[in-house]
Amino acid sequence: MIKIPLFVIFAIIAFNITAFTVVLQMDLLEFHSSIAKLVAWILAAGAWGLAYANRHKSYILRTDK
């Protein structure tokens, strides 16, 4: 059995959403809408909130057959 902290999984997802949001904020993409930027920042904050809320939980990956 392998014990994987849920924080790691949620943090990877949150980091990817945050990276997309930063690229969106710097106008490197074709989205120039303020609402799209606001929604992206809210999603990024929510993703980090989920990572923080699940910081002590773990997922047990069973390797036995």
PDB file of N, CA and C in Angstrom:
ATOM      1  N   MET A   1       0.824  -1.182   0.000  1.00  0.00           N
ATOM      2  CA  MET A   1       0.000   0.000   0.000  1.00  0.00           C
ATOM      3  C   MET A   1       0.870   1.249   0.000  1.00  0.00           C
ATOM      4  N   ILE A   2       0.451   2.195  -0.772  1.00  0.00           N
ATOM      5  CA  ILE A   2       1.148   3.473  -0.842  1.00  0.00           C
ATOM      6  C   ILE A   2       0.193   4.552  -0.346  1.00  0.00           C
ATOM      7  N   LYS A   3       0.645   5.367   0.589  1.00  0.00           N
ATOM      8  CA  LYS A   3      -0.185   6.418   1.164  1.00  0.00           C
ATOM      9  C   LYS A   3       0.195   7.749   0.507  1.00  0.00           C
ATOM     10  N   ILE A   4      -0.742   8.323  -0.244  1.00  0.00           N
ATOM     11  CA  ILE A   4      -0.497   9.575  -0.962  1.00  0.00           C
ATOM     12  C   ILE A   4      -1.295  10.686  -0.289  1.00  0.00           C
ATOM     13  N   PRO A   5      -0.644  11.754   0.177  1.00  0.00           N
ATOM     14  CA  PRO A   5      -1.394  12.869   0.766  1.00  0.00           C
ATOM     15  C   PRO A   5      -2.243  13.571  -0.301  1.00  0.00           C
ATOM     16  N   LEU A   6      -3.482  13.873   0.053  1.00  0.00           N
ATOM     17  CA  LEU A   6      -4.348  14.566  -0.895  1.00  0.00           C
ATOM     18  C   LEU A   6      -3.852  15.974  -1.197  1.00  0.00           C
ATOM     19  N   PHE A   7      -3.069  16.548  -0.261  1.00  0.00           N
ATOM     20  CA  PHE A   7      -2.531  17.884  -0.511  1.00  0.00           C
ATOM     21  C   PHE A   7      -1.671  17.908  -1.774  1.00  0.00           C
ATOM     22  N   VAL A   8      -0.903  16.855  -1.988  1.00  0.00           N
ATOM     23  CA  VAL A   8      -0.027  16.804  -3.164  1.00  0.00           C
ATOM     24  C   VAL A   8      -0.852  16.828  -4.450  1.00  0.00           C
ATOM     25  N   ILE A   9      -1.900  16.047  -4.481  1.00  0.00           N
ATOM     26  CA  ILE A   9      -2.744  15.991  -5.679  1.00  0.00           C
ATOM     27  C   ILE A   9      -3.427  17.330  -5.923  1.00  0.00           C
ATOM     28  N   PHE A  10      -4.026  17.883  -4.854  1.00  0.00           N
ATOM     29  CA  PHE A  10      -4.720  19.157  -4.994  1.00  0.00           C
ATOM     30  C   PHE A  10      -3.754  20.305  -5.281  1.00  0.00           C
ATOM     31  N   ALA A  11      -2.549  20.264  -4.726  1.00  0.00           N
ATOM     32  CA  ALA A  11      -1.575  21.328  -4.961  1.00  0.00           C
ATOM     33  C   ALA A  11      -1.085  21.330  -6.407  1.00  0.00           C
ATOM     34  N   ILE A  12      -0.927  20.153  -6.996  1.00  0.00           N
ATOM     35  CA  ILE A  12      -0.522  20.087  -8.408  1.00  0.00           C
ATOM     36  C   ILE A  12      -1.598  20.686  -9.291  1.00  0.00           C
ATOM     37  N   ILE A  13      -2.850  20.351  -9.012  1.00  0.00           N
ATOM     38  CA  ILE A  13      -3.955  20.912  -9.792  1.00  0.00           C
ATOM     39  C   ILE A  13      -4.049  22.417  -9.574  1.00  0.00           C
ATOM     40  N   ALA A  14      -3.923  22.859  -8.320  1.00  0.00           N
ATOM     41  CA  ALA A  14      -4.007  24.292  -8.013  1.00  0.00           C
ATOM     42  C   ALA A  14      -2.862  25.067  -8.664  1.00  0.00           C
ATOM     43  N   PHE A  15      -1.671  24.483  -8.693  1.00  0.00           N
ATOM     44  CA  PHE A  15      -0.547  25.171  -9.318  1.00  0.00           C
ATOM     45  C   PHE A  15      -0.772  25.337 -10.820  1.00  0.00           C
ATOM     46  N   ASN A  16      -1.330  24.322 -11.461  1.00  0.00           N
ATOM     47  CA  ASN A  16      -1.611  24.419 -12.894  1.00  0.00           C
ATOM     48  C   ASN A  16      -2.673  25.481 -13.180  1.00  0.00           C
ATOM     49  N   ILE A  17      -3.709  25.537 -12.355  1.00  0.00           N
ATOM     50  CA  ILE A  17      -4.730  26.566 -12.535  1.00  0.00           C
ATOM     51  C   ILE A  17      -4.138  27.950 -12.301  1.00  0.00           C
ATOM     52  N   THR A  18      -3.275  28.079 -11.307  1.00  0.00           N
ATOM     53  CA  THR A  18      -2.637  29.369 -11.022  1.00  0.00           C
ATOM     54  C   THR A  18      -1.712  29.789 -12.160  1.00  0.00           C
ATOM     55  N   ALA A  19      -0.972  28.854 -12.714  1.00  0.00           N
ATOM     56  CA  ALA A  19      -0.094  29.176 -13.849  1.00  0.00           C
ATOM     57  C   ALA A  19      -0.910  29.648 -15.052  1.00  0.00           C
ATOM     58  N   PHE A  20      -2.033  28.984 -15.323  1.00  0.00           N
ATOM     59  CA  PHE A  20      -2.913  29.415 -16.410  1.00  0.00           C
ATOM     60  C   PHE A  20      -3.455  30.815 -16.139  1.00  0.00           C
ATOM     61  N   THR A  21      -3.801  31.082 -14.887  1.00  0.00           N
ATOM     62  CA  THR A  21      -4.352  32.380 -14.524  1.00  0.00           C
ATOM     63  C   THR A  21      -3.316  33.489 -14.703  1.00  0.00           C
ATOM     64  N   VAL A  22      -2.083  33.227 -14.340  1.00  0.00           N
ATOM     65  CA  VAL A  22      -1.026  34.226 -14.505  1.00  0.00           C
ATOM     66  C   VAL A  22      -0.790  34.514 -15.983  1.00  0.00           C
ATOM     67  N   VAL A  23      -0.767  33.482 -16.799  1.00  0.00           N
ATOM     68  CA  VAL A  23      -0.605  33.670 -18.248  1.00  0.00           C
ATOM     69  C   VAL A  23      -1.791  34.456 -18.810  1.00  0.00           C
ATOM     70  N   LEU A  24      -2.976  34.164 -18.314  1.00  0.00           N
ATOM     71  CA  LEU A  24      -4.176  34.889 -18.738  1.00  0.00           C
ATOM     72  C   LEU A  24      -4.110  36.342 -18.300  1.00  0.00           C
ATOM     73  N   GLN A  25      -3.619  36.593 -17.096  1.00  0.00           N
ATOM     74  CA  GLN A  25      -3.526  37.961 -16.581  1.00  0.00           C
ATOM     75  C   GLN A  25      -2.511  38.790 -17.356  1.00  0.00           C
ATOM     76  N   MET A  26      -1.459  38.172 -17.873  1.00  0.00           N
ATOM     77  CA  MET A  26      -0.435  38.901 -18.625  1.00  0.00           C
ATOM     78  C   MET A  26      -0.829  39.116 -20.081  1.00  0.00           C
ATOM     79  N   ASP A  27      -2.056  38.735 -20.459  1.00  0.00           N
ATOM     80  CA  ASP A  27      -2.585  38.913 -21.818  1.00  0.00           C
ATOM     81  C   ASP A  27      -1.764  38.182 -22.871  1.00  0.00           C
ATOM     82  N   LEU A  28      -1.245  37.018 -22.524  1.00  0.00           N
ATOM     83  CA  LEU A  28      -0.523  36.214 -23.503  1.00  0.00           C
ATOM     84  C   LEU A  28      -1.457  35.321 -24.300  1.00  0.00           C
ATOM     85  N   LEU A  29      -2.701  35.222 -23.854  1.00  0.00           N
ATOM     86  CA  LEU A  29      -3.703  34.435 -24.554  1.00  0.00           C
ATOM     87  C   LEU A  29      -4.695  35.372 -25.245  1.00  0.00           C
ATOM     88  N   GLU A  30      -5.608  34.819 -25.982  1.00  0.00           N
ATOM     89  CA  GLU A  30      -6.570  35.627 -26.731  1.00  0.00           C
ATOM     90  C   GLU A  30      -7.746  36.115 -25.884  1.00  0.00           C
ATOM     91  N   PHE A  31      -7.804  35.705 -24.619  1.00  0.00           N
ATOM     92  CA  PHE A  31      -8.876  36.153 -23.743  1.00  0.00           C
ATOM     93  C   PHE A  31      -8.493  37.485 -23.133  1.00  0.00           C
ATOM     94  N   HIS A  32      -9.215  38.537 -23.471  1.00  0.00           N
ATOM     95  CA  HIS A  32      -8.920  39.856 -22.914  1.00  0.00           C
ATOM     96  C   HIS A  32     -10.070  40.344 -22.052  1.00  0.00           C
ATOM     97  N   SER A  33     -10.913  39.430 -21.623  1.00  0.00           N
ATOM     98  CA  SER A  33     -12.080  39.774 -20.825  1.00  0.00           C
ATOM     99  C   SER A  33     -11.717  39.869 -19.352  1.00  0.00           C
ATOM    100  N   SER A  34     -12.193  40.925 -18.717  1.00  0.00           N
ATOM    101  CA  SER A  34     -11.963  41.076 -17.279  1.00  0.00           C
ATOM    102  C   SER A  34     -12.735  40.030 -16.488  1.00  0.00           C
ATOM    103  N   ILE A  35     -13.888  39.644 -16.981  1.00  0.00           N
ATOM    104  CA  ILE A  35     -14.684  38.634 -16.289  1.00  0.00           C
ATOM    105  C   ILE A  35     -13.980  37.282 -16.334  1.00  0.00           C
ATOM    106  N   ALA A  36     -13.375  36.942 -17.463  1.00  0.00           N
ATOM    107  CA  ALA A  36     -12.640  35.679 -17.566  1.00  0.00           C
ATOM    108  C   ALA A  36     -11.455  35.670 -16.594  1.00  0.00           C
ATOM    109  N   LYS A  37     -10.786  36.806 -16.452  1.00  0.00           N
ATOM    110  CA  LYS A  37      -9.665  36.895 -15.517  1.00  0.00           C
ATOM    111  C   LYS A  37     -10.144  36.765 -14.080  1.00  0.00           C
ATOM    112  N   LEU A  38     -11.276  37.385 -13.773  1.00  0.00           N
ATOM    113  CA  LEU A  38     -11.832  37.298 -12.426  1.00  0.00           C
ATOM    114  C   LEU A  38     -12.236  35.864 -12.092  1.00  0.00           C
ATOM    115  N   VAL A  39     -12.883  35.197 -13.028  1.00  0.00           N
ATOM    116  CA  VAL A  39     -13.284  33.804 -12.815  1.00  0.00           C
ATOM    117  C   VAL A  39     -12.056  32.913 -12.640  1.00  0.00           C
ATOM    118  N   ALA A  40     -11.018  33.161 -13.413  1.00  0.00           N
ATOM    119  CA  ALA A  40      -9.800  32.356 -13.293  1.00  0.00           C
ATOM    120  C   ALA A  40      -9.146  32.550 -11.924  1.00  0.00           C
ATOM    121  N   TRP A  41      -9.120  33.781 -11.423  1.00  0.00           N
ATOM    122  CA  TRP A  41      -8.542  34.023 -10.097  1.00  0.00           C
ATOM    123  C   TRP A  41      -9.383  33.391  -9.000  1.00  0.00           C
ATOM    124  N   ILE A  42     -10.713  33.413  -9.160  1.00  0.00           N
ATOM    125  CA  ILE A  42     -11.584  32.769  -8.172  1.00  0.00           C
ATOM    126  C   ILE A  42     -11.360  31.263  -8.177  1.00  0.00           C
ATOM    127  N   LEU A  43     -11.221  30.665  -9.368  1.00  0.00           N
ATOM    128  CA  LEU A  43     -10.942  29.229  -9.457  1.00  0.00           C
ATOM    129  C   LEU A  43      -9.588  28.878  -8.837  1.00  0.00           C
ATOM    130  N   ALA A  44      -8.596  29.726  -9.062  1.00  0.00           N
ATOM    131  CA  ALA A  44      -7.271  29.473  -8.492  1.00  0.00           C
ATOM    132  C   ALA A  44      -7.325  29.550  -6.963  1.00  0.00           C
ATOM    133  N   ALA A  45      -8.007  30.553  -6.438  1.00  0.00           N
ATOM    134  CA  ALA A  45      -8.119  30.677  -4.980  1.00  0.00           C
ATOM    135  C   ALA A  45      -8.900  29.504  -4.399  1.00  0.00           C
ATOM    136  N   GLY A  46      -9.946  29.083  -5.081  1.00  0.00           N
ATOM    137  CA  GLY A  46     -10.718  27.931  -4.615  1.00  0.00           C
ATOM    138  C   GLY A  46      -9.914  26.647  -4.646  1.00  0.00           C
ATOM    139  N   ALA A  47      -9.097  26.485  -5.663  1.00  0.00           N
ATOM    140  CA  ALA A  47      -8.257  25.284  -5.755  1.00  0.00           C
ATOM    141  C   ALA A  47      -7.239  25.237  -4.616  1.00  0.00           C
ATOM    142  N   TRP A  48      -6.629  26.386  -4.294  1.00  0.00           N
ATOM    143  CA  TRP A  48      -5.692  26.408  -3.178  1.00  0.00           C
ATOM    144  C   TRP A  48      -6.415  26.230  -1.857  1.00  0.00           C
ATOM    145  N   GLY A  49      -7.662  26.706  -1.767  1.00  0.00           N
ATOM    146  CA  GLY A  49      -8.462  26.476  -0.573  1.00  0.00           C
ATOM    147  C   GLY A  49      -8.757  25.002  -0.363  1.00  0.00           C
ATOM    148  N   LEU A  50      -9.065  24.291  -1.455  1.00  0.00           N
ATOM    149  CA  LEU A  50      -9.283  22.844  -1.360  1.00  0.00           C
ATOM    150  C   LEU A  50      -7.998  22.115  -0.966  1.00  0.00           C
ATOM    151  N   ALA A  51      -6.883  22.560  -1.501  1.00  0.00           N
ATOM    152  CA  ALA A  51      -5.607  21.938  -1.129  1.00  0.00           C
ATOM    153  C   ALA A  51      -5.328  22.134   0.355  1.00  0.00           C
ATOM    154  N   TYR A  52      -5.629  23.333   0.854  1.00  0.00           N
ATOM    155  CA  TYR A  52      -5.406  23.607   2.275  1.00  0.00           C
ATOM    156  C   TYR A  52      -6.370  22.806   3.145  1.00  0.00           C
ATOM    157  N   ALA A  53      -7.622  22.685   2.703  1.00  0.00           N
ATOM    158  CA  ALA A  53      -8.619  21.956   3.491  1.00  0.00           C
ATOM    159  C   ALA A  53      -8.304  20.457   3.564  1.00  0.00           C
ATOM    160  N   ASN A  54      -7.664  19.922   2.555  1.00  0.00           N
ATOM    161  CA  ASN A  54      -7.337  18.498   2.510  1.00  0.00           C
ATOM    162  C   ASN A  54      -5.881  18.214   2.859  1.00  0.00           C
ATOM    163  N   ARG A  55      -5.251  19.073   3.618  1.00  0.00           N
ATOM    164  CA  ARG A  55      -3.824  18.936   3.885  1.00  0.00           C
ATOM    165  C   ARG A  55      -3.483  17.766   4.800  1.00  0.00           C
ATOM    166  N   HIS A  56      -4.437  17.280   5.590  1.00  0.00           N
ATOM    167  CA  HIS A  56      -4.143  16.181   6.513  1.00  0.00           C
ATOM    168  C   HIS A  56      -4.778  14.866   6.091  1.00  0.00           C
ATOM    169  N   LYS A  57      -5.481  14.846   4.964  1.00  0.00           N
ATOM    170  CA  LYS A  57      -6.116  13.617   4.499  1.00  0.00           C
ATOM    171  C   LYS A  57      -5.183  12.883   3.543  1.00  0.00           C
ATOM    172  N   SER A  58      -5.364  11.579   3.469  1.00  0.00           N
ATOM    173  CA  SER A  58      -4.523  10.766   2.595  1.00  0.00           C
ATOM    174  C   SER A  58      -5.380   9.800   1.788  1.00  0.00           C
ATOM    175  N   TYR A  59      -4.849   9.413   0.660  1.00  0.00           N
ATOM    176  CA  TYR A  59      -5.468   8.407  -0.185  1.00  0.00           C
ATOM    177  C   TYR A  59      -4.549   7.204  -0.179  1.00  0.00           C
ATOM    178  N   ILE A  60      -5.100   6.037   0.117  1.00  0.00           N
ATOM    179  CA  ILE A  60      -4.288   4.819   0.167  1.00  0.00           C
ATOM    180  C   ILE A  60      -4.435   4.093  -1.170  1.00  0.00           C
ATOM    181  N   LEU A  61      -3.341   4.000  -1.868  1.00  0.00           N
ATOM    182  CA  LEU A  61      -3.287   3.307  -3.155  1.00  0.00           C
ATOM    183  C   LEU A  61      -2.897   1.861  -2.888  1.00  0.00           C
ATOM    184  N   ARG A  62      -3.799   0.948  -3.165  1.00  0.00           N
ATOM    185  CA  ARG A  62      -3.542  -0.466  -2.903  1.00  0.00           C
ATOM    186  C   ARG A  62      -2.794  -1.072  -4.082  1.00  0.00           C
ATOM    187  N   THR A  63      -1.690  -1.737  -3.789  1.00  0.00           N
ATOM    188  CA  THR A  63      -0.883  -2.368  -4.821  1.00  0.00           C
ATOM    189  C   THR A  63      -1.027  -3.883  -4.830  1.00  0.00           C
ATOM    190  N   ASP A  64      -1.769  -4.415  -3.864  1.00  0.00           N
ATOM    191  CA  ASP A  64      -1.944  -5.863  -3.843  1.00  0.00           C
ATOM    192  C   ASP A  64      -3.052  -6.275  -4.806  1.00  0.00           C
ATOM    193  N   LYS A  65      -2.973  -7.507  -5.278  1.00  0.00           N
ATOM    194  CA  LYS A  65      -3.955  -7.987  -6.260  1.00  0.00           C
ATOM    195  C   LYS A  65      -4.910  -8.965  -5.636  1.00  0.00           C
TER     196      LYS A  65
END
